[in-house]
Amino acid sequence: MGELKEKERAILNVIIDYVREHHYPPSMREIGSKLNIPSTSTVFRHMESLRKKGYITWELSRPRTIQVLKMIEK
């Protein structure tokens, strides 16, 4: 599965916290905003890495479809 990098862990925590608070997943822009990452393509690259490592999944062409598959300890 692979170790998480610092940004990957931060993104996963943002997703988990956001879903707990709002009951639906954040957009890539909202994730970037929470972590001061201005580029959605940078957020996407980190999320793609999380997907490949088995932590999340989502439907590419649909917004707010992120699902957490594996939790981490904060």
PDB file of N, CA and C in Angstrom:
ATOM      1  N   MET A   1       0.824  -1.194   0.000  1.00  0.00           N
ATOM      2  CA  MET A   1       0.000   0.000   0.000  1.00  0.00           C
ATOM      3  C   MET A   1       0.863   1.251   0.000  1.00  0.00           C
ATOM      4  N   GLY A   2       1.944   1.290   0.718  1.00  0.00           N
ATOM      5  CA  GLY A   2       2.855   2.425   0.677  1.00  0.00           C
ATOM      6  C   GLY A   2       2.628   3.428   1.789  1.00  0.00           C
ATOM      7  N   GLU A   3       3.720   4.024   2.196  1.00  0.00           N
ATOM      8  CA  GLU A   3       3.662   5.064   3.219  1.00  0.00           C
ATOM      9  C   GLU A   3       3.069   6.346   2.644  1.00  0.00           C
ATOM     10  N   LEU A   4       2.378   7.086   3.480  1.00  0.00           N
ATOM     11  CA  LEU A   4       1.833   8.361   3.049  1.00  0.00           C
ATOM     12  C   LEU A   4       2.850   9.471   3.242  1.00  0.00           C
ATOM     13  N   LYS A   5       2.918  10.342   2.250  1.00  0.00           N
ATOM     14  CA  LYS A   5       3.739  11.544   2.371  1.00  0.00           C
ATOM     15  C   LYS A   5       2.956  12.557   3.198  1.00  0.00           C
ATOM     16  N   GLU A   6       3.658  13.573   3.660  1.00  0.00           N
ATOM     17  CA  GLU A   6       3.041  14.572   4.537  1.00  0.00           C
ATOM     18  C   GLU A   6       1.808  15.218   3.896  1.00  0.00           C
ATOM     19  N   LYS A   7       1.903  15.632   2.642  1.00  0.00           N
ATOM     20  CA  LYS A   7       0.771  16.275   1.963  1.00  0.00           C
ATOM     21  C   LYS A   7      -0.379  15.299   1.749  1.00  0.00           C
ATOM     22  N   GLU A   8      -0.060  14.048   1.431  1.00  0.00           N
ATOM     23  CA  GLU A   8      -1.100  13.045   1.251  1.00  0.00           C
ATOM     24  C   GLU A   8      -1.872  12.839   2.550  1.00  0.00           C
ATOM     25  N   ARG A   9      -1.143  12.754   3.645  1.00  0.00           N
ATOM     26  CA  ARG A   9      -1.765  12.585   4.960  1.00  0.00           C
ATOM     27  C   ARG A   9      -2.640  13.801   5.286  1.00  0.00           C
ATOM     28  N   ALA A  10      -2.145  14.989   4.972  1.00  0.00           N
ATOM     29  CA  ALA A  10      -2.905  16.213   5.235  1.00  0.00           C
ATOM     30  C   ALA A  10      -4.185  16.243   4.404  1.00  0.00           C
ATOM     31  N   ILE A  11      -4.087  15.866   3.142  1.00  0.00           N
ATOM     32  CA  ILE A  11      -5.262  15.844   2.273  1.00  0.00           C
ATOM     33  C   ILE A  11      -6.275  14.822   2.777  1.00  0.00           C
ATOM     34  N   LEU A  12      -5.825  13.647   3.142  1.00  0.00           N
ATOM     35  CA  LEU A  12      -6.727  12.627   3.660  1.00  0.00           C
ATOM     36  C   LEU A  12      -7.420  13.113   4.932  1.00  0.00           C
ATOM     37  N   ASN A  13      -6.694  13.771   5.804  1.00  0.00           N
ATOM     38  CA  ASN A  13      -7.293  14.316   7.030  1.00  0.00           C
ATOM     39  C   ASN A  13      -8.324  15.394   6.709  1.00  0.00           C
ATOM     40  N   VAL A  14      -8.046  16.245   5.722  1.00  0.00           N
ATOM     41  CA  VAL A  14      -9.013  17.275   5.318  1.00  0.00           C
ATOM     42  C   VAL A  14     -10.292  16.610   4.818  1.00  0.00           C
ATOM     43  N   ILE A  15     -10.145  15.590   3.988  1.00  0.00           N
ATOM     44  CA  ILE A  15     -11.318  14.888   3.454  1.00  0.00           C
ATOM     45  C   ILE A  15     -12.146  14.283   4.589  1.00  0.00           C
ATOM     46  N   ILE A  16     -11.479  13.582   5.495  1.00  0.00           N
ATOM     47  CA  ILE A  16     -12.172  12.935   6.613  1.00  0.00           C
ATOM     48  C   ILE A  16     -12.885  13.968   7.484  1.00  0.00           C
ATOM     49  N   ASP A  17     -12.186  15.035   7.845  1.00  0.00           N
ATOM     50  CA  ASP A  17     -12.780  16.078   8.692  1.00  0.00           C
ATOM     51  C   ASP A  17     -13.949  16.767   7.991  1.00  0.00           C
ATOM     52  N   TYR A  18     -13.794  17.045   6.707  1.00  0.00           N
ATOM     53  CA  TYR A  18     -14.837  17.733   5.948  1.00  0.00           C
ATOM     54  C   TYR A  18     -16.105  16.872   5.890  1.00  0.00           C
ATOM     55  N   VAL A  19     -15.943  15.594   5.597  1.00  0.00           N
ATOM     56  CA  VAL A  19     -17.099  14.695   5.519  1.00  0.00           C
ATOM     57  C   VAL A  19     -17.789  14.601   6.877  1.00  0.00           C
ATOM     58  N   ARG A  20     -17.020  14.531   7.946  1.00  0.00           N
ATOM     59  CA  ARG A  20     -17.624  14.482   9.292  1.00  0.00           C
ATOM     60  C   ARG A  20     -18.434  15.735   9.596  1.00  0.00           C
ATOM     61  N   GLU A  21     -17.947  16.876   9.128  1.00  0.00           N
ATOM     62  CA  GLU A  21     -18.623  18.143   9.410  1.00  0.00           C
ATOM     63  C   GLU A  21     -19.812  18.398   8.487  1.00  0.00           C
ATOM     64  N   HIS A  22     -19.657  18.091   7.189  1.00  0.00           N
ATOM     65  CA  HIS A  22     -20.675  18.465   6.199  1.00  0.00           C
ATOM     66  C   HIS A  22     -21.515  17.299   5.680  1.00  0.00           C
ATOM     67  N   HIS A  23     -21.098  16.075   5.936  1.00  0.00           N
ATOM     68  CA  HIS A  23     -21.796  14.867   5.495  1.00  0.00           C
ATOM     69  C   HIS A  23     -21.754  14.659   3.982  1.00  0.00           C
ATOM     70  N   TYR A  24     -20.812  15.306   3.316  1.00  0.00           N
ATOM     71  CA  TYR A  24     -20.509  15.057   1.910  1.00  0.00           C
ATOM     72  C   TYR A  24     -19.054  15.467   1.686  1.00  0.00           C
ATOM     73  N   PRO A  25     -18.405  14.931   0.670  1.00  0.00           N
ATOM     74  CA  PRO A  25     -16.974  15.183   0.481  1.00  0.00           C
ATOM     75  C   PRO A  25     -16.679  16.577  -0.083  1.00  0.00           C
ATOM     76  N   PRO A  26     -15.479  17.055   0.148  1.00  0.00           N
ATOM     77  CA  PRO A  26     -15.079  18.375  -0.359  1.00  0.00           C
ATOM     78  C   PRO A  26     -14.730  18.315  -1.845  1.00  0.00           C
ATOM     79  N   SER A  27     -14.746  19.476  -2.468  1.00  0.00           N
ATOM     80  CA  SER A  27     -14.254  19.581  -3.844  1.00  0.00           C
ATOM     81  C   SER A  27     -12.730  19.695  -3.793  1.00  0.00           C
ATOM     82  N   MET A  28     -12.079  19.516  -4.922  1.00  0.00           N
ATOM     83  CA  MET A  28     -10.620  19.656  -4.957  1.00  0.00           C
ATOM     84  C   MET A  28     -10.213  21.085  -4.608  1.00  0.00           C
ATOM     85  N   ARG A  29     -10.999  22.043  -5.054  1.00  0.00           N
ATOM     86  CA  ARG A  29     -10.708  23.442  -4.737  1.00  0.00           C
ATOM     87  C   ARG A  29     -10.806  23.689  -3.227  1.00  0.00           C
ATOM     88  N   GLU A  30     -11.793  23.090  -2.569  1.00  0.00           N
ATOM     89  CA  GLU A  30     -11.937  23.245  -1.117  1.00  0.00           C
ATOM     90  C   GLU A  30     -10.776  22.580  -0.379  1.00  0.00           C
ATOM     91  N   ILE A  31     -10.341  21.433  -0.861  1.00  0.00           N
ATOM     92  CA  ILE A  31      -9.178  20.775  -0.251  1.00  0.00           C
ATOM     93  C   ILE A  31      -7.961  21.674  -0.375  1.00  0.00           C
ATOM     94  N   GLY A  32      -7.733  22.202  -1.570  1.00  0.00           N
ATOM     95  CA  GLY A  32      -6.603  23.102  -1.786  1.00  0.00           C
ATOM     96  C   GLY A  32      -6.670  24.339  -0.912  1.00  0.00           C
ATOM     97  N   SER A  33      -7.866  24.875  -0.765  1.00  0.00           N
ATOM     98  CA  SER A  33      -8.050  26.074   0.060  1.00  0.00           C
ATOM     99  C   SER A  33      -7.696  25.809   1.518  1.00  0.00           C
ATOM    100  N   LYS A  34      -8.106  24.658   2.035  1.00  0.00           N
ATOM    101  CA  LYS A  34      -7.808  24.311   3.442  1.00  0.00           C
ATOM    102  C   LYS A  34      -6.310  24.159   3.685  1.00  0.00           C
ATOM    103  N   LEU A  35      -5.563  23.747   2.648  1.00  0.00           N
ATOM    104  CA  LEU A  35      -4.131  23.474   2.807  1.00  0.00           C
ATOM    105  C   LEU A  35      -3.246  24.506   2.112  1.00  0.00           C
ATOM    106  N   ASN A  36      -3.844  25.602   1.671  1.00  0.00           N
ATOM    107  CA  ASN A  36      -3.102  26.659   0.971  1.00  0.00           C
ATOM    108  C   ASN A  36      -2.366  26.131  -0.261  1.00  0.00           C
ATOM    109  N   ILE A  37      -3.046  25.266  -1.018  1.00  0.00           N
ATOM    110  CA  ILE A  37      -2.528  24.764  -2.291  1.00  0.00           C
ATOM    111  C   ILE A  37      -3.372  25.418  -3.386  1.00  0.00           C
ATOM    112  N   PRO A  38      -2.828  26.399  -4.100  1.00  0.00           N
ATOM    113  CA  PRO A  38      -3.641  27.138  -5.072  1.00  0.00           C
ATOM    114  C   PRO A  38      -3.993  26.346  -6.336  1.00  0.00           C
ATOM    115  N   SER A  39      -3.238  25.325  -6.658  1.00  0.00           N
ATOM    116  CA  SER A  39      -3.438  24.590  -7.899  1.00  0.00           C
ATOM    117  C   SER A  39      -4.252  23.317  -7.676  1.00  0.00           C
ATOM    118  N   THR A  40      -5.404  23.218  -8.365  1.00  0.00           N
ATOM    119  CA  THR A  40      -6.202  22.000  -8.249  1.00  0.00           C
ATOM    120  C   THR A  40      -5.480  20.815  -8.892  1.00  0.00           C
ATOM    121  N   SER A  41      -4.608  21.081  -9.841  1.00  0.00           N
ATOM    122  CA  SER A  41      -3.859  19.967 -10.441  1.00  0.00           C
ATOM    123  C   SER A  41      -2.872  19.365  -9.441  1.00  0.00           C
ATOM    124  N   THR A  42      -2.332  20.182  -8.550  1.00  0.00           N
ATOM    125  CA  THR A  42      -1.455  19.668  -7.491  1.00  0.00           C
ATOM    126  C   THR A  42      -2.261  18.815  -6.519  1.00  0.00           C
ATOM    127  N   VAL A  43      -3.434  19.288  -6.153  1.00  0.00           N
ATOM    128  CA  VAL A  43      -4.317  18.506  -5.276  1.00  0.00           C
ATOM    129  C   VAL A  43      -4.650  17.187  -5.964  1.00  0.00           C
ATOM    130  N   PHE A  44      -4.972  17.249  -7.249  1.00  0.00           N
ATOM    131  CA  PHE A  44      -5.313  16.042  -7.998  1.00  0.00           C
ATOM    132  C   PHE A  44      -4.162  15.034  -7.987  1.00  0.00           C
ATOM    133  N   ARG A  45      -2.932  15.499  -8.183  1.00  0.00           N
ATOM    134  CA  ARG A  45      -1.776  14.590  -8.175  1.00  0.00           C
ATOM    135  C   ARG A  45      -1.643  13.869  -6.840  1.00  0.00           C
ATOM    136  N   HIS A  46      -1.802  14.599  -5.750  1.00  0.00           N
ATOM    137  CA  HIS A  46      -1.728  13.977  -4.423  1.00  0.00           C
ATOM    138  C   HIS A  46      -2.882  12.993  -4.217  1.00  0.00           C
ATOM    139  N   MET A  47      -4.065  13.376  -4.682  1.00  0.00           N
ATOM    140  CA  MET A  47      -5.218  12.488  -4.535  1.00  0.00           C
ATOM    141  C   MET A  47      -5.062  11.238  -5.392  1.00  0.00           C
ATOM    142  N   GLU A  48      -4.487  11.376  -6.557  1.00  0.00           N
ATOM    143  CA  GLU A  48      -4.234  10.224  -7.418  1.00  0.00           C
ATOM    144  C   GLU A  48      -3.272   9.263  -6.723  1.00  0.00           C
ATOM    145  N   SER A  49      -2.292   9.806  -6.044  1.00  0.00           N
ATOM    146  CA  SER A  49      -1.361   8.972  -5.286  1.00  0.00           C
ATOM    147  C   SER A  49      -2.095   8.243  -4.154  1.00  0.00           C
ATOM    148  N   LEU A  50      -2.988   8.952  -3.457  1.00  0.00           N
ATOM    149  CA  LEU A  50      -3.797   8.319  -2.408  1.00  0.00           C
ATOM    150  C   LEU A  50      -4.678   7.219  -2.986  1.00  0.00           C
ATOM    151  N   ARG A  51      -5.206   7.445  -4.181  1.00  0.00           N
ATOM    152  CA  ARG A  51      -6.038   6.432  -4.836  1.00  0.00           C
ATOM    153  C   ARG A  51      -5.214   5.190  -5.164  1.00  0.00           C
ATOM    154  N   LYS A  52      -4.031   5.398  -5.711  1.00  0.00           N
ATOM    155  CA  LYS A  52      -3.157   4.268  -6.071  1.00  0.00           C
ATOM    156  C   LYS A  52      -2.716   3.474  -4.841  1.00  0.00           C
ATOM    157  N   LYS A  53      -2.603   4.149  -3.711  1.00  0.00           N
ATOM    158  CA  LYS A  53      -2.196   3.484  -2.468  1.00  0.00           C
ATOM    159  C   LYS A  53      -3.384   2.843  -1.745  1.00  0.00           C
ATOM    160  N   GLY A  54      -4.604   3.033  -2.280  1.00  0.00           N
ATOM    161  CA  GLY A  54      -5.779   2.369  -1.725  1.00  0.00           C
ATOM    162  C   GLY A  54      -6.492   3.109  -0.610  1.00  0.00           C
ATOM    163  N   TYR A  55      -6.215   4.392  -0.431  1.00  0.00           N
ATOM    164  CA  TYR A  55      -6.843   5.140   0.664  1.00  0.00           C
ATOM    165  C   TYR A  55      -8.165   5.795   0.267  1.00  0.00           C
ATOM    166  N   ILE A  56      -8.287   6.204  -0.994  1.00  0.00           N
ATOM    167  CA  ILE A  56      -9.511   6.868  -1.452  1.00  0.00           C
ATOM    168  C   ILE A  56      -9.876   6.375  -2.846  1.00  0.00           C
ATOM    169  N   THR A  57     -11.081   6.702  -3.243  1.00  0.00           N
ATOM    170  CA  THR A  57     -11.523   6.507  -4.617  1.00  0.00           C
ATOM    171  C   THR A  57     -12.499   7.622  -4.938  1.00  0.00           C
ATOM    172  N   TRP A  58     -12.755   7.850  -6.226  1.00  0.00           N
ATOM    173  CA  TRP A  58     -13.748   8.830  -6.663  1.00  0.00           C
ATOM    174  C   TRP A  58     -14.055   8.600  -8.127  1.00  0.00           C
ATOM    175  N   GLU A  59     -15.157   9.175  -8.569  1.00  0.00           N
ATOM    176  CA  GLU A  59     -15.545   9.121  -9.971  1.00  0.00           C
ATOM    177  C   GLU A  59     -14.974  10.373 -10.640  1.00  0.00           C
ATOM    178  N   LEU A  60     -14.120  10.177 -11.624  1.00  0.00           N
ATOM    179  CA  LEU A  60     -13.400  11.293 -12.234  1.00  0.00           C
ATOM    180  C   LEU A  60     -14.304  12.391 -12.779  1.00  0.00           C
ATOM    181  N   SER A  61     -15.370  12.052 -13.428  1.00  0.00           N
ATOM    182  CA  SER A  61     -16.183  13.057 -14.107  1.00  0.00           C
ATOM    183  C   SER A  61     -17.303  13.632 -13.242  1.00  0.00           C
ATOM    184  N   ARG A  62     -17.360  13.240 -11.974  1.00  0.00           N
ATOM    185  CA  ARG A  62     -18.421  13.716 -11.100  1.00  0.00           C
ATOM    186  C   ARG A  62     -17.843  14.389  -9.859  1.00  0.00           C
ATOM    187  N   PRO A  63     -18.332  15.572  -9.525  1.00  0.00           N
ATOM    188  CA  PRO A  63     -17.828  16.272  -8.338  1.00  0.00           C
ATOM    189  C   PRO A  63     -18.329  15.628  -7.043  1.00  0.00           C
ATOM    190  N   ARG A  64     -17.567  15.806  -6.005  1.00  0.00           N
ATOM    191  CA  ARG A  64     -17.938  15.386  -4.649  1.00  0.00           C
ATOM    192  C   ARG A  64     -18.270  13.892  -4.529  1.00  0.00           C
ATOM    193  N   THR A  65     -17.463  13.074  -5.169  1.00  0.00           N
ATOM    194  CA  THR A  65     -17.680  11.627  -5.087  1.00  0.00           C
ATOM    195  C   THR A  65     -16.537  10.924  -4.363  1.00  0.00           C
ATOM    196  N   ILE A  66     -15.693  11.665  -3.677  1.00  0.00           N
ATOM    197  CA  ILE A  66     -14.553  11.080  -2.975  1.00  0.00           C
ATOM    198  C   ILE A  66     -15.068  10.169  -1.862  1.00  0.00           C
ATOM    199  N   GLN A  67     -14.508   8.972  -1.793  1.00  0.00           N
ATOM    200  CA  GLN A  67     -14.822   8.037  -0.722  1.00  0.00           C
ATOM    201  C   GLN A  67     -13.531   7.606  -0.065  1.00  0.00           C
ATOM    202  N   VAL A  68     -13.499   7.617   1.250  1.00  0.00           N
ATOM    203  CA  VAL A  68     -12.331   7.142   2.004  1.00  0.00           C
ATOM    204  C   VAL A  68     -12.468   5.640   2.158  1.00  0.00           C
ATOM    205  N   LEU A  69     -11.453   4.915   1.723  1.00  0.00           N
ATOM    206  CA  LEU A  69     -11.465   3.449   1.802  1.00  0.00           C
ATOM    207  C   LEU A  69     -10.684   2.938   2.998  1.00  0.00           C
ATOM    208  N   LYS A  70      -9.722   3.711   3.447  1.00  0.00           N
ATOM    209  CA  LYS A  70      -8.884   3.287   4.566  1.00  0.00           C
ATOM    210  C   LYS A  70      -8.599   4.500   5.443  1.00  0.00           C
ATOM    211  N   MET A  71      -8.865   4.378   6.719  1.00  0.00           N
ATOM    212  CA  MET A  71      -8.624   5.459   7.669  1.00  0.00           C
ATOM    213  C   MET A  71      -7.187   5.418   8.164  1.00  0.00           C
ATOM    214  N   ILE A  72      -6.709   6.536   8.655  1.00  0.00           N
ATOM    215  CA  ILE A  72      -5.398   6.641   9.257  1.00  0.00           C
ATOM    216  C   ILE A  72      -5.548   7.248  10.646  1.00  0.00           C
ATOM    217  N   GLU A  73      -4.540   7.051  11.459  1.00  0.00           N
ATOM    218  CA  GLU A  73      -4.542   7.708  12.767  1.00  0.00           C
ATOM    219  C   GLU A  73      -3.911   9.070  12.607  1.00  0.00           C
ATOM    220  N   LYS A  74      -4.508  10.056  13.230  1.00  0.00           N
ATOM    221  CA  LYS A  74      -3.992  11.425  13.119  1.00  0.00           C
ATOM    222  C   LYS A  74      -2.763  11.624  13.949  1.00  0.00           C
TER     223      LYS A  74
END
